[in-house]
Amino acid sequence: MIKTIHIVFIFTSFLNFVVRIVISQLNPEILNNKILKITPHIIDTILLLSGIALVIQGDWLDREYDWIESKFILLISYIIFGVVAMRLSGIMRWLSFLCAITCFGLIFNIAITKNGFI
């Protein structure tokens, strides 16, 4: 059940990020809507809590799992690039967006293969 919730919110979070980038490019005033400001935080909180629950449930903190550390580092990078992409404009927005998408892809790959880079 927790894994299903986690997977659903992974894709919800990613889709939300992409849609917000598109909206910020086409009609940024829409993003001032209170619901649109709160929703990403709710989605990402549920995603993070379900991820933590999976780590605890899987007893992954008791052993060496470098892939979890790799995912965490990439998650922080994804957040930083995502914030930069939302706040800047022009080429820097799209470079940050590309970096965020790359981080997401690497996180996804590590989740499937369980091979980290640390």
PDB file of N, CA and C in Angstrom:
ATOM      1  N   MET A   1       0.816  -1.194   0.000  1.00  0.00           N
ATOM      2  CA  MET A   1       0.000   0.000   0.000  1.00  0.00           C
ATOM      3  C   MET A   1       0.861   1.260   0.000  1.00  0.00           C
ATOM      4  N   ILE A   2       1.875   1.303   0.868  1.00  0.00           N
ATOM      5  CA  ILE A   2       2.745   2.478   0.943  1.00  0.00           C
ATOM      6  C   ILE A   2       3.514   2.652  -0.361  1.00  0.00           C
ATOM      7  N   LYS A   3       3.965   1.549  -0.932  1.00  0.00           N
ATOM      8  CA  LYS A   3       4.710   1.621  -2.191  1.00  0.00           C
ATOM      9  C   LYS A   3       3.823   2.180  -3.306  1.00  0.00           C
ATOM     10  N   THR A   4       2.574   1.770  -3.348  1.00  0.00           N
ATOM     11  CA  THR A   4       1.640   2.273  -4.355  1.00  0.00           C
ATOM     12  C   THR A   4       1.418   3.772  -4.187  1.00  0.00           C
ATOM     13  N   ILE A   5       1.214   4.201  -2.957  1.00  0.00           N
ATOM     14  CA  ILE A   5       1.047   5.628  -2.673  1.00  0.00           C
ATOM     15  C   ILE A   5       2.290   6.390  -3.127  1.00  0.00           C
ATOM     16  N   HIS A   6       3.452   5.843  -2.802  1.00  0.00           N
ATOM     17  CA  HIS A   6       4.709   6.485  -3.169  1.00  0.00           C
ATOM     18  C   HIS A   6       4.826   6.620  -4.692  1.00  0.00           C
ATOM     19  N   ILE A   7       4.538   5.576  -5.410  1.00  0.00           N
ATOM     20  CA  ILE A   7       4.646   5.604  -6.871  1.00  0.00           C
ATOM     21  C   ILE A   7       3.652   6.596  -7.474  1.00  0.00           C
ATOM     22  N   VAL A   8       2.430   6.608  -6.975  1.00  0.00           N
ATOM     23  CA  VAL A   8       1.427   7.550  -7.482  1.00  0.00           C
ATOM     24  C   VAL A   8       1.894   8.989  -7.268  1.00  0.00           C
ATOM     25  N   PHE A   9       2.434   9.265  -6.081  1.00  0.00           N
ATOM     26  CA  PHE A   9       2.852  10.628  -5.792  1.00  0.00           C
ATOM     27  C   PHE A   9       4.171  11.003  -6.470  1.00  0.00           C
ATOM     28  N   ILE A  10       4.974  10.038  -6.857  1.00  0.00           N
ATOM     29  CA  ILE A  10       6.166  10.337  -7.665  1.00  0.00           C
ATOM     30  C   ILE A  10       5.717  10.963  -8.982  1.00  0.00           C
ATOM     31  N   PHE A  11       4.801  10.285  -9.653  1.00  0.00           N
ATOM     32  CA  PHE A  11       4.346  10.777 -10.952  1.00  0.00           C
ATOM     33  C   PHE A  11       3.491  12.035 -10.819  1.00  0.00           C
ATOM     34  N   THR A  12       2.727  12.141  -9.735  1.00  0.00           N
ATOM     35  CA  THR A  12       1.939  13.346  -9.491  1.00  0.00           C
ATOM     36  C   THR A  12       2.854  14.550  -9.280  1.00  0.00           C
ATOM     37  N   SER A  13       3.908  14.359  -8.504  1.00  0.00           N
ATOM     38  CA  SER A  13       4.864  15.427  -8.237  1.00  0.00           C
ATOM     39  C   SER A  13       5.575  15.858  -9.517  1.00  0.00           C
ATOM     40  N   PHE A  14       5.999  14.890 -10.298  1.00  0.00           N
ATOM     41  CA  PHE A  14       6.699  15.195 -11.550  1.00  0.00           C
ATOM     42  C   PHE A  14       5.774  15.934 -12.513  1.00  0.00           C
ATOM     43  N   LEU A  15       4.562  15.441 -12.668  1.00  0.00           N
ATOM     44  CA  LEU A  15       3.602  16.086 -13.556  1.00  0.00           C
ATOM     45  C   LEU A  15       3.287  17.502 -13.076  1.00  0.00           C
ATOM     46  N   ASN A  16       3.118  17.660 -11.774  1.00  0.00           N
ATOM     47  CA  ASN A  16       2.857  18.971 -11.196  1.00  0.00           C
ATOM     48  C   ASN A  16       3.994  19.936 -11.509  1.00  0.00           C
ATOM     49  N   PHE A  17       5.236  19.478 -11.391  1.00  0.00           N
ATOM     50  CA  PHE A  17       6.402  20.315 -11.673  1.00  0.00           C
ATOM     51  C   PHE A  17       6.419  20.744 -13.135  1.00  0.00           C
ATOM     52  N   VAL A  18       6.210  19.815 -14.035  1.00  0.00           N
ATOM     53  CA  VAL A  18       6.235  20.125 -15.465  1.00  0.00           C
ATOM     54  C   VAL A  18       5.112  21.106 -15.820  1.00  0.00           C
ATOM     55  N   VAL A  19       3.929  20.867 -15.300  1.00  0.00           N
ATOM     56  CA  VAL A  19       2.800  21.756 -15.583  1.00  0.00           C
ATOM     57  C   VAL A  19       3.067  23.154 -15.032  1.00  0.00           C
ATOM     58  N   ARG A  20       3.634  23.235 -13.838  1.00  0.00           N
ATOM     59  CA  ARG A  20       3.940  24.549 -13.252  1.00  0.00           C
ATOM     60  C   ARG A  20       4.992  25.298 -14.070  1.00  0.00           C
ATOM     61  N   ILE A  21       5.953  24.596 -14.610  1.00  0.00           N
ATOM     62  CA  ILE A  21       6.957  25.247 -15.469  1.00  0.00           C
ATOM     63  C   ILE A  21       6.281  25.789 -16.725  1.00  0.00           C
ATOM     64  N   VAL A  22       5.433  24.990 -17.328  1.00  0.00           N
ATOM     65  CA  VAL A  22       4.730  25.430 -18.535  1.00  0.00           C
ATOM     66  C   VAL A  22       3.848  26.640 -18.219  1.00  0.00           C
ATOM     67  N   ILE A  23       3.107  26.576 -17.120  1.00  0.00           N
ATOM     68  CA  ILE A  23       2.255  27.703 -16.732  1.00  0.00           C
ATOM     69  C   ILE A  23       3.098  28.946 -16.455  1.00  0.00           C
ATOM     70  N   SER A  24       4.235  28.757 -15.780  1.00  0.00           N
ATOM     71  CA  SER A  24       5.084  29.916 -15.474  1.00  0.00           C
ATOM     72  C   SER A  24       5.622  30.570 -16.743  1.00  0.00           C
ATOM     73  N   GLN A  25       5.738  29.806 -17.796  1.00  0.00           N
ATOM     74  CA  GLN A  25       6.207  30.346 -19.067  1.00  0.00           C
ATOM     75  C   GLN A  25       5.068  31.023 -19.832  1.00  0.00           C
ATOM     76  N   LEU A  26       3.888  30.412 -19.824  1.00  0.00           N
ATOM     77  CA  LEU A  26       2.779  30.910 -20.634  1.00  0.00           C
ATOM     78  C   LEU A  26       1.942  31.984 -19.939  1.00  0.00           C
ATOM     79  N   ASN A  27       1.618  31.761 -18.667  1.00  0.00           N
ATOM     80  CA  ASN A  27       0.739  32.684 -17.942  1.00  0.00           C
ATOM     81  C   ASN A  27       1.067  32.642 -16.449  1.00  0.00           C
ATOM     82  N   PRO A  28       2.179  33.270 -16.031  1.00  0.00           N
ATOM     83  CA  PRO A  28       2.654  33.141 -14.649  1.00  0.00           C
ATOM     84  C   PRO A  28       1.685  33.661 -13.583  1.00  0.00           C
ATOM     85  N   GLU A  29       0.763  34.530 -13.947  1.00  0.00           N
ATOM     86  CA  GLU A  29      -0.178  35.071 -12.962  1.00  0.00           C
ATOM     87  C   GLU A  29      -1.049  33.971 -12.361  1.00  0.00           C
ATOM     88  N   ILE A  30      -1.293  32.934 -13.127  1.00  0.00           N
ATOM     89  CA  ILE A  30      -2.127  31.823 -12.640  1.00  0.00           C
ATOM     90  C   ILE A  30      -1.496  31.177 -11.398  1.00  0.00           C
ATOM     91  N   LEU A  31      -0.176  31.180 -11.337  1.00  0.00           N
ATOM     92  CA  LEU A  31       0.512  30.533 -10.219  1.00  0.00           C
ATOM     93  C   LEU A  31       0.332  31.280  -8.904  1.00  0.00           C
ATOM     94  N   ASN A  32      -0.258  32.473  -8.927  1.00  0.00           N
ATOM     95  CA  ASN A  32      -0.526  33.210  -7.695  1.00  0.00           C
ATOM     96  C   ASN A  32      -1.756  32.677  -6.966  1.00  0.00           C
ATOM     97  N   ASN A  33      -2.513  31.798  -7.601  1.00  0.00           N
ATOM     98  CA  ASN A  33      -3.671  31.168  -6.982  1.00  0.00           C
ATOM     99  C   ASN A  33      -3.216  30.383  -5.757  1.00  0.00           C
ATOM    100  N   LYS A  34      -3.893  30.582  -4.634  1.00  0.00           N
ATOM    101  CA  LYS A  34      -3.495  29.956  -3.368  1.00  0.00           C
ATOM    102  C   LYS A  34      -3.433  28.434  -3.459  1.00  0.00           C
ATOM    103  N   ILE A  35      -4.398  27.835  -4.121  1.00  0.00           N
ATOM    104  CA  ILE A  35      -4.427  26.373  -4.271  1.00  0.00           C
ATOM    105  C   ILE A  35      -3.185  25.898  -5.027  1.00  0.00           C
ATOM    106  N   LEU A  36      -2.817  26.616  -6.073  1.00  0.00           N
ATOM    107  CA  LEU A  36      -1.651  26.225  -6.867  1.00  0.00           C
ATOM    108  C   LEU A  36      -0.335  26.434  -6.123  1.00  0.00           C
ATOM    109  N   LYS A  37      -0.357  27.278  -5.107  1.00  0.00           N
ATOM    110  CA  LYS A  37       0.842  27.467  -4.284  1.00  0.00           C
ATOM    111  C   LYS A  37       0.965  26.369  -3.223  1.00  0.00           C
ATOM    112  N   ILE A  38      -0.151  25.904  -2.717  1.00  0.00           N
ATOM    113  CA  ILE A  38      -0.155  24.926  -1.621  1.00  0.00           C
ATOM    114  C   ILE A  38      -0.030  23.487  -2.135  1.00  0.00           C
ATOM    115  N   THR A  39      -0.668  23.188  -3.241  1.00  0.00           N
ATOM    116  CA  THR A  39      -0.734  21.823  -3.771  1.00  0.00           C
ATOM    117  C   THR A  39       0.630  21.138  -3.909  1.00  0.00           C
ATOM    118  N   PRO A  40       1.651  21.792  -4.480  1.00  0.00           N
ATOM    119  CA  PRO A  40       2.942  21.099  -4.614  1.00  0.00           C
ATOM    120  C   PRO A  40       3.538  20.686  -3.263  1.00  0.00           C
ATOM    121  N   HIS A  41       3.309  21.505  -2.240  1.00  0.00           N
ATOM    122  CA  HIS A  41       3.843  21.178  -0.914  1.00  0.00           C
ATOM    123  C   HIS A  41       3.131  19.968  -0.311  1.00  0.00           C
ATOM    124  N   ILE A  42       1.841  19.879  -0.533  1.00  0.00           N
ATOM    125  CA  ILE A  42       1.079  18.727  -0.032  1.00  0.00           C
ATOM    126  C   ILE A  42       1.537  17.456  -0.758  1.00  0.00           C
ATOM    127  N   ILE A  43       1.617  17.535  -2.076  1.00  0.00           N
ATOM    128  CA  ILE A  43       2.035  16.379  -2.870  1.00  0.00           C
ATOM    129  C   ILE A  43       3.427  15.915  -2.455  1.00  0.00           C
ATOM    130  N   ASP A  44       4.362  16.862  -2.356  1.00  0.00           N
ATOM    131  CA  ASP A  44       5.743  16.495  -2.041  1.00  0.00           C
ATOM    132  C   ASP A  44       5.905  16.013  -0.605  1.00  0.00           C
ATOM    133  N   THR A  45       5.084  16.523   0.303  1.00  0.00           N
ATOM    134  CA  THR A  45       5.125  16.040   1.687  1.00  0.00           C
ATOM    135  C   THR A  45       4.673  14.584   1.763  1.00  0.00           C
ATOM    136  N   ILE A  46       3.579  14.271   1.078  1.00  0.00           N
ATOM    137  CA  ILE A  46       3.099  12.882   1.054  1.00  0.00           C
ATOM    138  C   ILE A  46       4.145  11.982   0.395  1.00  0.00           C
ATOM    139  N   LEU A  47       4.752  12.458  -0.676  1.00  0.00           N
ATOM    140  CA  LEU A  47       5.797  11.699  -1.359  1.00  0.00           C
ATOM    141  C   LEU A  47       6.976  11.432  -0.426  1.00  0.00           C
ATOM    142  N   LEU A  48       7.433  12.454   0.265  1.00  0.00           N
ATOM    143  CA  LEU A  48       8.572  12.299   1.174  1.00  0.00           C
ATOM    144  C   LEU A  48       8.235  11.381   2.350  1.00  0.00           C
ATOM    145  N   LEU A  49       7.064  11.560   2.931  1.00  0.00           N
ATOM    146  CA  LEU A  49       6.660  10.706   4.062  1.00  0.00           C
ATOM    147  C   LEU A  49       6.510   9.245   3.648  1.00  0.00           C
ATOM    148  N   SER A  50       5.966   9.011   2.463  1.00  0.00           N
ATOM    149  CA  SER A  50       5.832   7.627   2.001  1.00  0.00           C
ATOM    150  C   SER A  50       7.210   7.025   1.711  1.00  0.00           C
ATOM    151  N   GLY A  51       8.137   7.832   1.213  1.00  0.00           N
ATOM    152  CA  GLY A  51       9.503   7.354   0.989  1.00  0.00           C
ATOM    153  C   GLY A  51      10.190   6.996   2.291  1.00  0.00           C
ATOM    154  N   ILE A  52      10.027   7.838   3.290  1.00  0.00           N
ATOM    155  CA  ILE A  52      10.601   7.557   4.615  1.00  0.00           C
ATOM    156  C   ILE A  52       9.980   6.288   5.197  1.00  0.00           C
ATOM    157  N   ALA A  53       8.671   6.151   5.044  1.00  0.00           N
ATOM    158  CA  ALA A  53       7.984   4.942   5.541  1.00  0.00           C
ATOM    159  C   ALA A  53       8.526   3.694   4.849  1.00  0.00           C
ATOM    160  N   LEU A  54       8.801   3.778   3.549  1.00  0.00           N
ATOM    161  CA  LEU A  54       9.358   2.625   2.830  1.00  0.00           C
ATOM    162  C   LEU A  54      10.758   2.278   3.326  1.00  0.00           C
ATOM    163  N   VAL A  55      11.558   3.286   3.609  1.00  0.00           N
ATOM    164  CA  VAL A  55      12.908   3.042   4.129  1.00  0.00           C
ATOM    165  C   VAL A  55      12.829   2.355   5.486  1.00  0.00           C
ATOM    166  N   ILE A  56      11.949   2.843   6.337  1.00  0.00           N
ATOM    167  CA  ILE A  56      11.789   2.241   7.670  1.00  0.00           C
ATOM    168  C   ILE A  56      11.202   0.840   7.554  1.00  0.00           C
ATOM    169  N   GLN A  57      10.181   0.686   6.742  1.00  0.00           N
ATOM    170  CA  GLN A  57       9.528  -0.609   6.567  1.00  0.00           C
ATOM    171  C   GLN A  57      10.493  -1.640   5.980  1.00  0.00           C
ATOM    172  N   GLY A  58      11.349  -1.219   5.087  1.00  0.00           N
ATOM    173  CA  GLY A  58      12.295  -2.126   4.449  1.00  0.00           C
ATOM    174  C   GLY A  58      13.546  -2.384   5.269  1.00  0.00           C
ATOM    175  N   ASP A  59      13.641  -1.736   6.443  1.00  0.00           N
ATOM    176  CA  ASP A  59      14.804  -1.911   7.314  1.00  0.00           C
ATOM    177  C   ASP A  59      16.104  -1.531   6.592  1.00  0.00           C
ATOM    178  N   TRP A  60      16.029  -0.540   5.724  1.00  0.00           N
ATOM    179  CA  TRP A  60      17.166  -0.183   4.890  1.00  0.00           C
ATOM    180  C   TRP A  60      18.191   0.681   5.609  1.00  0.00           C
ATOM    181  N   LEU A  61      17.868   1.160   6.804  1.00  0.00           N
ATOM    182  CA  LEU A  61      18.819   1.978   7.542  1.00  0.00           C
ATOM    183  C   LEU A  61      19.812   1.127   8.328  1.00  0.00           C
ATOM    184  N   ASP A  62      19.515  -0.155   8.489  1.00  0.00           N
ATOM    185  CA  ASP A  62      20.374  -1.033   9.277  1.00  0.00           C
ATOM    186  C   ASP A  62      21.560  -1.565   8.487  1.00  0.00           C
ATOM    187  N   ARG A  63      21.516  -1.448   7.192  1.00  0.00           N
ATOM    188  CA  ARG A  63      22.591  -1.977   6.348  1.00  0.00           C
ATOM    189  C   ARG A  63      23.109  -0.875   5.444  1.00  0.00           C
ATOM    190  N   GLU A  64      24.102  -1.229   4.659  1.00  0.00           N
ATOM    191  CA  GLU A  64      24.655  -0.246   3.730  1.00  0.00           C
ATOM    192  C   GLU A  64      23.888  -0.284   2.414  1.00  0.00           C
ATOM    193  N   TYR A  65      23.165   0.756   2.171  1.00  0.00           N
ATOM    194  CA  TYR A  65      22.418   0.902   0.937  1.00  0.00           C
ATOM    195  C   TYR A  65      22.791   2.245   0.335  1.00  0.00           C
ATOM    196  N   ASP A  66      23.868   2.240  -0.449  1.00  0.00           N
ATOM    197  CA  ASP A  66      24.323   3.493  -1.033  1.00  0.00           C
ATOM    198  C   ASP A  66      23.324   4.075  -2.015  1.00  0.00           C
ATOM    199  N   TRP A  67      22.433   3.253  -2.532  1.00  0.00           N
ATOM    200  CA  TRP A  67      21.454   3.761  -3.479  1.00  0.00           C
ATOM    201  C   TRP A  67      20.469   4.716  -2.815  1.00  0.00           C
ATOM    202  N   ILE A  68      20.182   4.525  -1.534  1.00  0.00           N
ATOM    203  CA  ILE A  68      19.303   5.449  -0.814  1.00  0.00           C
ATOM    204  C   ILE A  68      19.999   6.792  -0.642  1.00  0.00           C
ATOM    205  N   GLU A  69      21.291   6.750  -0.300  1.00  0.00           N
ATOM    206  CA  GLU A  69      22.059   7.991  -0.183  1.00  0.00           C
ATOM    207  C   GLU A  69      22.128   8.715  -1.526  1.00  0.00           C
ATOM    208  N   SER A  70      22.305   7.957  -2.599  1.00  0.00           N
ATOM    209  CA  SER A  70      22.349   8.551  -3.935  1.00  0.00           C
ATOM    210  C   SER A  70      21.012   9.212  -4.283  1.00  0.00           C
ATOM    211  N   LYS A  71      19.926   8.529  -3.971  1.00  0.00           N
ATOM    212  CA  LYS A  71      18.602   9.099  -4.234  1.00  0.00           C
ATOM    213  C   LYS A  71      18.388  10.369  -3.424  1.00  0.00           C
ATOM    214  N   PHE A  72      18.858  10.375  -2.195  1.00  0.00           N
ATOM    215  CA  PHE A  72      18.690  11.550  -1.340  1.00  0.00           C
ATOM    216  C   PHE A  72      19.470  12.746  -1.903  1.00  0.00           C
ATOM    217  N   ILE A  73      20.705  12.515  -2.315  1.00  0.00           N
ATOM    218  CA  ILE A  73      21.516  13.586  -2.902  1.00  0.00           C
ATOM    219  C   ILE A  73      20.857  14.107  -4.175  1.00  0.00           C
ATOM    220  N   LEU A  74      20.383  13.201  -5.007  1.00  0.00           N
ATOM    221  CA  LEU A  74      19.701  13.617  -6.235  1.00  0.00           C
ATOM    222  C   LEU A  74      18.386  14.332  -5.936  1.00  0.00           C
ATOM    223  N   LEU A  75      17.688  13.923  -4.891  1.00  0.00           N
ATOM    224  CA  LEU A  75      16.450  14.591  -4.497  1.00  0.00           C
ATOM    225  C   LEU A  75      16.723  16.041  -4.113  1.00  0.00           C
ATOM    226  N   ILE A  76      17.758  16.260  -3.318  1.00  0.00           N
ATOM    227  CA  ILE A  76      18.133  17.632  -2.933  1.00  0.00           C
ATOM    228  C   ILE A  76      18.480  18.436  -4.186  1.00  0.00           C
ATOM    229  N   SER A  77      19.220  17.825  -5.107  1.00  0.00           N
ATOM    230  CA  SER A  77      19.581  18.498  -6.356  1.00  0.00           C
ATOM    231  C   SER A  77      18.336  18.812  -7.180  1.00  0.00           C
ATOM    232  N   TYR A  78      17.413  17.868  -7.253  1.00  0.00           N
ATOM    233  CA  TYR A  78      16.153  18.059  -7.983  1.00  0.00           C
ATOM    234  C   TYR A  78      15.378  19.246  -7.409  1.00  0.00           C
ATOM    235  N   ILE A  79      15.325  19.330  -6.099  1.00  0.00           N
ATOM    236  CA  ILE A  79      14.611  20.431  -5.446  1.00  0.00           C
ATOM    237  C   ILE A  79      15.278  21.764  -5.767  1.00  0.00           C
ATOM    238  N   ILE A  80      16.599  21.817  -5.651  1.00  0.00           N
ATOM    239  CA  ILE A  80      17.329  23.064  -5.923  1.00  0.00           C
ATOM    240  C   ILE A  80      17.130  23.496  -7.371  1.00  0.00           C
ATOM    241  N   PHE A  81      17.336  22.570  -8.310  1.00  0.00           N
ATOM    242  CA  PHE A  81      17.140  22.922  -9.722  1.00  0.00           C
ATOM    243  C   PHE A  81      15.695  23.310 -10.009  1.00  0.00           C
ATOM    244  N   GLY A  82      14.752  22.645  -9.361  1.00  0.00           N
ATOM    245  CA  GLY A  82      13.344  22.969  -9.554  1.00  0.00           C
ATOM    246  C   GLY A  82      13.013  24.369  -9.059  1.00  0.00           C
ATOM    247  N   VAL A  83      13.531  24.730  -7.898  1.00  0.00           N
ATOM    248  CA  VAL A  83      13.301  26.075  -7.358  1.00  0.00           C
ATOM    249  C   VAL A  83      13.911  27.121  -8.286  1.00  0.00           C
ATOM    250  N   VAL A  84      15.130  26.871  -8.741  1.00  0.00           N
ATOM    251  CA  VAL A  84      15.793  27.802  -9.661  1.00  0.00           C
ATOM    252  C   VAL A  84      14.979  27.927 -10.949  1.00  0.00           C
ATOM    253  N   ALA A  85      14.501  26.810 -11.465  1.00  0.00           N
ATOM    254  CA  ALA A  85      13.710  26.834 -12.700  1.00  0.00           C
ATOM    255  C   ALA A  85      12.426  27.638 -12.521  1.00  0.00           C
ATOM    256  N   MET A  86      11.813  27.545 -11.358  1.00  0.00           N
ATOM    257  CA  MET A  86      10.569  28.280 -11.125  1.00  0.00           C
ATOM    258  C   MET A  86      10.811  29.774 -10.923  1.00  0.00           C
ATOM    259  N   ARG A  87      11.968  30.135 -10.417  1.00  0.00           N
ATOM    260  CA  ARG A  87      12.219  31.533 -10.074  1.00  0.00           C
ATOM    261  C   ARG A  87      12.888  32.335 -11.183  1.00  0.00           C
ATOM    262  N   LEU A  88      13.660  31.685 -12.026  1.00  0.00           N
ATOM    263  CA  LEU A  88      14.366  32.405 -13.080  1.00  0.00           C
ATOM    264  C   LEU A  88      13.581  32.363 -14.375  1.00  0.00           C
ATOM    265  N   SER A  89      14.119  33.009 -15.377  1.00  0.00           N
ATOM    266  CA  SER A  89      13.472  32.993 -16.692  1.00  0.00           C
ATOM    267  C   SER A  89      14.545  32.831 -17.760  1.00  0.00           C
ATOM    268  N   GLY A  90      14.097  32.687 -18.980  1.00  0.00           N
ATOM    269  CA  GLY A  90      15.019  32.582 -20.098  1.00  0.00           C
ATOM    270  C   GLY A  90      15.775  31.268 -20.112  1.00  0.00           C
ATOM    271  N   ILE A  91      17.004  31.341 -20.606  1.00  0.00           N
ATOM    272  CA  ILE A  91      17.818  30.134 -20.773  1.00  0.00           C
ATOM    273  C   ILE A  91      18.138  29.465 -19.439  1.00  0.00           C
ATOM    274  N   MET A  92      18.293  30.254 -18.367  1.00  0.00           N
ATOM    275  CA  MET A  92      18.600  29.664 -17.054  1.00  0.00           C
ATOM    276  C   MET A  92      17.432  28.828 -16.537  1.00  0.00           C
ATOM    277  N   ARG A  93      16.215  29.263 -16.834  1.00  0.00           N
ATOM    278  CA  ARG A  93      15.044  28.469 -16.439  1.00  0.00           C
ATOM    279  C   ARG A  93      15.098  27.105 -17.107  1.00  0.00           C
ATOM    280  N   TRP A  94      15.366  27.097 -18.403  1.00  0.00           N
ATOM    281  CA  TRP A  94      15.322  25.850 -19.146  1.00  0.00           C
ATOM    282  C   TRP A  94      16.521  24.963 -18.853  1.00  0.00           C
ATOM    283  N   LEU A  95      17.681  25.555 -18.554  1.00  0.00           N
ATOM    284  CA  LEU A  95      18.828  24.741 -18.136  1.00  0.00           C
ATOM    285  C   LEU A  95      18.561  24.096 -16.776  1.00  0.00           C
ATOM    286  N   SER A  96      17.992  24.865 -15.866  1.00  0.00           N
ATOM    287  CA  SER A  96      17.649  24.322 -14.546  1.00  0.00           C
ATOM    288  C   SER A  96      16.573  23.254 -14.661  1.00  0.00           C
ATOM    289  N   PHE A  97      15.601  23.493 -15.529  1.00  0.00           N
ATOM    290  CA  PHE A  97      14.542  22.512 -15.766  1.00  0.00           C
ATOM    291  C   PHE A  97      15.142  21.213 -16.304  1.00  0.00           C
ATOM    292  N   LEU A  98      16.056  21.325 -17.254  1.00  0.00           N
ATOM    293  CA  LEU A  98      16.716  20.144 -17.820  1.00  0.00           C
ATOM    294  C   LEU A  98      17.506  19.394 -16.751  1.00  0.00           C
ATOM    295  N   CYS A  99      18.204  20.135 -15.898  1.00  0.00           N
ATOM    296  CA  CYS A  99      18.950  19.500 -14.804  1.00  0.00           C
ATOM    297  C   CYS A  99      18.009  18.808 -13.827  1.00  0.00           C
ATOM    298  N   ALA A 100      16.873  19.447 -13.516  1.00  0.00           N
ATOM    299  CA  ALA A 100      15.889  18.836 -12.613  1.00  0.00           C
ATOM    300  C   ALA A 100      15.326  17.553 -13.214  1.00  0.00           C
ATOM    301  N   ILE A 101      15.012  17.585 -14.506  1.00  0.00           N
ATOM    302  CA  ILE A 101      14.479  16.401 -15.181  1.00  0.00           C
ATOM    303  C   ILE A 101      15.530  15.287 -15.197  1.00  0.00           C
ATOM    304  N   THR A 102      16.782  15.659 -15.401  1.00  0.00           N
ATOM    305  CA  THR A 102      17.868  14.677 -15.373  1.00  0.00           C
ATOM    306  C   THR A 102      17.973  14.031 -13.995  1.00  0.00           C
ATOM    307  N   CYS A 103      17.906  14.846 -12.945  1.00  0.00           N
ATOM    308  CA  CYS A 103      17.939  14.309 -11.580  1.00  0.00           C
ATOM    309  C   CYS A 103      16.778  13.349 -11.356  1.00  0.00           C
ATOM    310  N   PHE A 104      15.588  13.715 -11.824  1.00  0.00           N
ATOM    311  CA  PHE A 104      14.426  12.848 -11.680  1.00  0.00           C
ATOM    312  C   PHE A 104      14.664  11.513 -12.378  1.00  0.00           C
ATOM    313  N   GLY A 105      15.196  11.578 -13.591  1.00  0.00           N
ATOM    314  CA  GLY A 105      15.473  10.346 -14.333  1.00  0.00           C
ATOM    315  C   GLY A 105      16.479   9.460 -13.619  1.00  0.00           C
ATOM    316  N   LEU A 106      17.503  10.075 -13.042  1.00  0.00           N
ATOM    317  CA  LEU A 106      18.506   9.301 -12.297  1.00  0.00           C
ATOM    318  C   LEU A 106      17.904   8.686 -11.039  1.00  0.00           C
ATOM    319  N   ILE A 107      17.060   9.449 -10.349  1.00  0.00           N
ATOM    320  CA  ILE A 107      16.380   8.911  -9.161  1.00  0.00           C
ATOM    321  C   ILE A 107      15.530   7.710  -9.560  1.00  0.00           C
ATOM    322  N   PHE A 108      14.809   7.845 -10.647  1.00  0.00           N
ATOM    323  CA  PHE A 108      13.959   6.768 -11.140  1.00  0.00           C
ATOM    324  C   PHE A 108      14.798   5.532 -11.480  1.00  0.00           C
ATOM    325  N   ASN A 109      15.915   5.740 -12.151  1.00  0.00           N
ATOM    326  CA  ASN A 109      16.805   4.634 -12.516  1.00  0.00           C
ATOM    327  C   ASN A 109      17.367   3.933 -11.274  1.00  0.00           C
ATOM    328  N   ILE A 110      17.793   4.724 -10.305  1.00  0.00           N
ATOM    329  CA  ILE A 110      18.338   4.144  -9.067  1.00  0.00           C
ATOM    330  C   ILE A 110      17.257   3.369  -8.318  1.00  0.00           C
ATOM    331  N   ALA A 111      16.029   3.891  -8.317  1.00  0.00           N
ATOM    332  CA  ALA A 111      14.928   3.197  -7.626  1.00  0.00           C
ATOM    333  C   ALA A 111      14.679   1.825  -8.235  1.00  0.00           C
ATOM    334  N   ILE A 112      14.830   1.715  -9.541  1.00  0.00           N
ATOM    335  CA  ILE A 112      14.591   0.449 -10.210  1.00  0.00           C
ATOM    336  C   ILE A 112      15.779  -0.501 -10.062  1.00  0.00           C
ATOM    337  N   THR A 113      16.992   0.007 -10.269  1.00  0.00           N
ATOM    338  CA  THR A 113      18.181  -0.849 -10.282  1.00  0.00           C
ATOM    339  C   THR A 113      18.781  -1.080  -8.900  1.00  0.00           C
ATOM    340  N   LYS A 114      18.472  -0.187  -7.953  1.00  0.00           N
ATOM    341  CA  LYS A 114      19.072  -0.215  -6.607  1.00  0.00           C
ATOM    342  C   LYS A 114      20.596  -0.084  -6.661  1.00  0.00           C
ATOM    343  N   ASN A 115      21.103   0.595  -7.692  1.00  0.00           N
ATOM    344  CA  ASN A 115      22.537   0.873  -7.834  1.00  0.00           C
ATOM    345  C   ASN A 115      22.769   2.361  -7.670  1.00  0.00           C
ATOM    346  N   GLY A 116      23.467   2.718  -6.595  1.00  0.00           N
ATOM    347  CA  GLY A 116      23.785   4.124  -6.367  1.00  0.00           C
ATOM    348  C   GLY A 116      25.140   4.484  -6.932  1.00  0.00           C
ATOM    349  N   PHE A 117      25.513   5.721  -6.766  1.00  0.00           N
ATOM    350  CA  PHE A 117      26.798   6.190  -7.288  1.00  0.00           C
ATOM    351  C   PHE A 117      27.764   6.597  -6.191  1.00  0.00           C
ATOM    352  N   ILE A 118      27.410   6.350  -4.934  1.00  0.00           N
ATOM    353  CA  ILE A 118      28.293   6.730  -3.827  1.00  0.00           C
ATOM    354  C   ILE A 118      29.239   5.592  -3.517  1.00  0.00           C
TER     355      ILE A 118
END
